[in-house]
Amino acid sequence: MTRETIIQNIMANYGKYGITPDMINEVIDAGLEGGLSYDMIYLDTMRRISEITGEEFLCSASDMARAMGVSEDEILRMIEEAREELIETGEDPDEYFKEVPVQRFMM
């Protein structure tokens, strides 16, 4: 992911809410100063904007793995551990992690 990709994707999804490229650039700069990767900056920005706009934020395990710099198997293990911890505390893990069917098409 690059700065340009982040700006393009966020503007396409959230420009209608008054988000501007200048705002996104400020967030990217702050994230880079904090040591975050472009992938992590993108996911965190999308999550925060989703909270503000009331839209549901969804990302794939592979998106999270890439952003955290781990394998997809490792992120799936981490998700399973987090689900178990949520159950132990009486919370519904499906509020945080959703399994969705995958459809693939070939031509």
C-alpha atoms as a PDB file:
ATOM      1  CA  MET A   1       0.000   0.000   0.000  1.00  0.00           C
ATOM      2  CA  THR A   2       1.193   3.520  -0.738  1.00  0.00           C
ATOM      3  CA  ARG A   3       0.226   7.011   0.392  1.00  0.00           C
ATOM      4  CA  GLU A   4      -1.560   7.542  -2.926  1.00  0.00           C
ATOM      5  CA  THR A   5      -3.532   4.300  -2.568  1.00  0.00           C
ATOM      6  CA  ILE A   6      -4.630   5.234   0.944  1.00  0.00           C
ATOM      7  CA  ILE A   7      -5.810   8.655  -0.183  1.00  0.00           C
ATOM      8  CA  GLN A   8      -7.583   7.268  -3.240  1.00  0.00           C
ATOM      9  CA  ASN A   9      -9.384   4.510  -1.309  1.00  0.00           C
ATOM     10  CA  ILE A  10     -10.457   6.702   1.576  1.00  0.00           C
ATOM     11  CA  MET A  11     -11.670   9.478  -0.709  1.00  0.00           C
ATOM     12  CA  ALA A  12     -13.659   6.969  -2.773  1.00  0.00           C
ATOM     13  CA  ASN A  13     -15.331   5.585   0.344  1.00  0.00           C
ATOM     14  CA  TYR A  14     -15.596   8.609   2.625  1.00  0.00           C
ATOM     15  CA  GLY A  15     -15.173  11.759   0.530  1.00  0.00           C
ATOM     16  CA  LYS A  16     -18.933  12.209   0.738  1.00  0.00           C
ATOM     17  CA  TYR A  17     -18.544  12.847   4.489  1.00  0.00           C
ATOM     18  CA  GLY A  18     -16.266  15.837   3.988  1.00  0.00           C
ATOM     19  CA  ILE A  19     -12.989  13.966   4.357  1.00  0.00           C
ATOM     20  CA  THR A  20     -10.281  15.754   2.370  1.00  0.00           C
ATOM     21  CA  PRO A  21      -6.891  14.644   1.031  1.00  0.00           C
ATOM     22  CA  ASP A  22      -5.235  17.146   3.390  1.00  0.00           C
ATOM     23  CA  MET A  23      -6.880  15.468   6.379  1.00  0.00           C
ATOM     24  CA  ILE A  24      -5.738  12.059   5.194  1.00  0.00           C
ATOM     25  CA  ASN A  25      -2.189  13.296   4.605  1.00  0.00           C
ATOM     26  CA  GLU A  26      -2.039  14.552   8.212  1.00  0.00           C
ATOM     27  CA  VAL A  27      -3.146  11.152   9.503  1.00  0.00           C
ATOM     28  CA  ILE A  28      -0.642   9.360   7.273  1.00  0.00           C
ATOM     29  CA  ASP A  29       2.189  11.614   8.440  1.00  0.00           C
ATOM     30  CA  ALA A  30       1.292  11.040  12.097  1.00  0.00           C
ATOM     31  CA  GLY A  31       1.117   7.289  11.540  1.00  0.00           C
ATOM     32  CA  LEU A  32       4.495   7.198   9.815  1.00  0.00           C
ATOM     33  CA  GLU A  33       6.014   9.253  12.647  1.00  0.00           C
ATOM     34  CA  GLY A  34       4.555   6.666  15.050  1.00  0.00           C
ATOM     35  CA  GLY A  35       6.244   3.844  13.183  1.00  0.00           C
ATOM     36  CA  LEU A  36       3.130   2.407  11.538  1.00  0.00           C
ATOM     37  CA  SER A  37       3.138   0.804   8.106  1.00  0.00           C
ATOM     38  CA  TYR A  38       0.953   2.150   5.318  1.00  0.00           C
ATOM     39  CA  ASP A  39      -1.264  -0.936   5.640  1.00  0.00           C
ATOM     40  CA  MET A  40      -1.798  -0.347   9.377  1.00  0.00           C
ATOM     41  CA  ILE A  41      -2.395   3.375   8.826  1.00  0.00           C
ATOM     42  CA  TYR A  42      -5.030   2.549   6.213  1.00  0.00           C
ATOM     43  CA  LEU A  43      -6.891   0.025   8.367  1.00  0.00           C
ATOM     44  CA  ASP A  44      -6.811   2.234  11.450  1.00  0.00           C
ATOM     45  CA  THR A  45      -8.003   5.257   9.487  1.00  0.00           C
ATOM     46  CA  MET A  46     -10.830   3.266   7.917  1.00  0.00           C
ATOM     47  CA  ARG A  47     -11.835   1.962  11.370  1.00  0.00           C
ATOM     48  CA  ARG A  48     -11.879   5.436  12.886  1.00  0.00           C
ATOM     49  CA  ILE A  49     -13.825   6.998  10.032  1.00  0.00           C
ATOM     50  CA  SER A  50     -16.310   4.121  10.167  1.00  0.00           C
ATOM     51  CA  GLU A  51     -16.912   4.824  13.848  1.00  0.00           C
ATOM     52  CA  ILE A  52     -17.542   8.498  13.123  1.00  0.00           C
ATOM     53  CA  THR A  53     -19.870   7.841  10.182  1.00  0.00           C
ATOM     54  CA  GLY A  54     -21.698   4.933  11.811  1.00  0.00           C
ATOM     55  CA  GLU A  55     -20.704   2.542   9.050  1.00  0.00           C
ATOM     56  CA  GLU A  56     -19.553  -0.959   9.871  1.00  0.00           C
ATOM     57  CA  PHE A  57     -15.813  -1.521   9.521  1.00  0.00           C
ATOM     58  CA  LEU A  58     -14.790  -4.859   8.088  1.00  0.00           C
ATOM     59  CA  CYS A  59     -11.378  -6.096   7.050  1.00  0.00           C
ATOM     60  CA  SER A  60     -10.115  -9.537   6.165  1.00  0.00           C
ATOM     61  CA  ALA A  61      -7.697 -11.669   8.132  1.00  0.00           C
ATOM     62  CA  SER A  62      -5.239 -11.279   5.279  1.00  0.00           C
ATOM     63  CA  ASP A  63      -5.563  -7.452   5.532  1.00  0.00           C
ATOM     64  CA  MET A  64      -4.782  -7.643   9.254  1.00  0.00           C
ATOM     65  CA  ALA A  65      -1.901 -10.063   8.713  1.00  0.00           C
ATOM     66  CA  ARG A  66      -0.331  -7.756   6.135  1.00  0.00           C
ATOM     67  CA  ALA A  67      -0.806  -4.708   8.361  1.00  0.00           C
ATOM     68  CA  MET A  68       0.730  -6.460  11.366  1.00  0.00           C
ATOM     69  CA  GLY A  69       3.541  -8.084   9.405  1.00  0.00           C
ATOM     70  CA  VAL A  70       2.586 -11.653  10.320  1.00  0.00           C
ATOM     71  CA  SER A  71       1.386 -14.678   8.379  1.00  0.00           C
ATOM     72  CA  GLU A  72      -2.294 -15.295   7.800  1.00  0.00           C
ATOM     73  CA  ASP A  73      -2.027 -18.466   9.904  1.00  0.00           C
ATOM     74  CA  GLU A  74      -0.618 -16.396  12.761  1.00  0.00           C
ATOM     75  CA  ILE A  75      -3.403 -13.809  12.568  1.00  0.00           C
ATOM     76  CA  LEU A  76      -6.010 -16.591  12.522  1.00  0.00           C
ATOM     77  CA  ARG A  77      -4.399 -18.037  15.664  1.00  0.00           C
ATOM     78  CA  MET A  78      -4.497 -14.595  17.286  1.00  0.00           C
ATOM     79  CA  ILE A  79      -8.159 -14.163  16.370  1.00  0.00           C
ATOM     80  CA  GLU A  80      -9.026 -17.554  17.846  1.00  0.00           C
ATOM     81  CA  GLU A  81      -7.229 -16.659  21.086  1.00  0.00           C
ATOM     82  CA  ALA A  82      -9.051 -13.324  21.233  1.00  0.00           C
ATOM     83  CA  ARG A  83     -12.390 -15.061  20.626  1.00  0.00           C
ATOM     84  CA  GLU A  84     -11.707 -17.431  23.537  1.00  0.00           C
ATOM     85  CA  GLU A  85     -10.777 -14.520  25.828  1.00  0.00           C
ATOM     86  CA  LEU A  86     -13.986 -12.697  24.908  1.00  0.00           C
ATOM     87  CA  ILE A  87     -16.056 -15.783  25.678  1.00  0.00           C
ATOM     88  CA  GLU A  88     -14.313 -16.137  29.045  1.00  0.00           C
ATOM     89  CA  THR A  89     -15.253 -12.556  29.940  1.00  0.00           C
ATOM     90  CA  GLY A  90     -18.864 -13.087  28.884  1.00  0.00           C
ATOM     91  CA  GLU A  91     -18.681 -11.093  25.673  1.00  0.00           C
ATOM     92  CA  ASP A  92     -19.903 -12.188  22.265  1.00  0.00           C
ATOM     93  CA  PRO A  93     -16.875 -12.671  19.995  1.00  0.00           C
ATOM     94  CA  ASP A  94     -19.106 -12.321  16.933  1.00  0.00           C
ATOM     95  CA  GLU A  95     -19.390  -8.626  17.797  1.00  0.00           C
ATOM     96  CA  TYR A  96     -15.689  -8.315  16.969  1.00  0.00           C
ATOM     97  CA  PHE A  97     -14.919 -11.136  14.560  1.00  0.00           C
ATOM     98  CA  LYS A  98     -17.251 -12.319  11.829  1.00  0.00           C
ATOM     99  CA  GLU A  99     -16.765 -15.324   9.642  1.00  0.00           C
ATOM    100  CA  VAL A 100     -18.125 -14.743   6.183  1.00  0.00           C
ATOM    101  CA  PRO A 101     -18.444 -17.129   3.266  1.00  0.00           C
ATOM    102  CA  VAL A 102     -15.971 -16.609   0.474  1.00  0.00           C
ATOM    103  CA  GLN A 103     -16.999 -16.790  -3.151  1.00  0.00           C
ATOM    104  CA  ARG A 104     -14.415 -17.220  -5.821  1.00  0.00           C
ATOM    105  CA  PHE A 105     -14.958 -17.008  -9.519  1.00  0.00           C
ATOM    106  CA  MET A 106     -12.739 -18.245 -12.266  1.00  0.00           C
ATOM    107  CA  MET A 107     -12.866 -17.444 -15.937  1.00  0.00           C
END
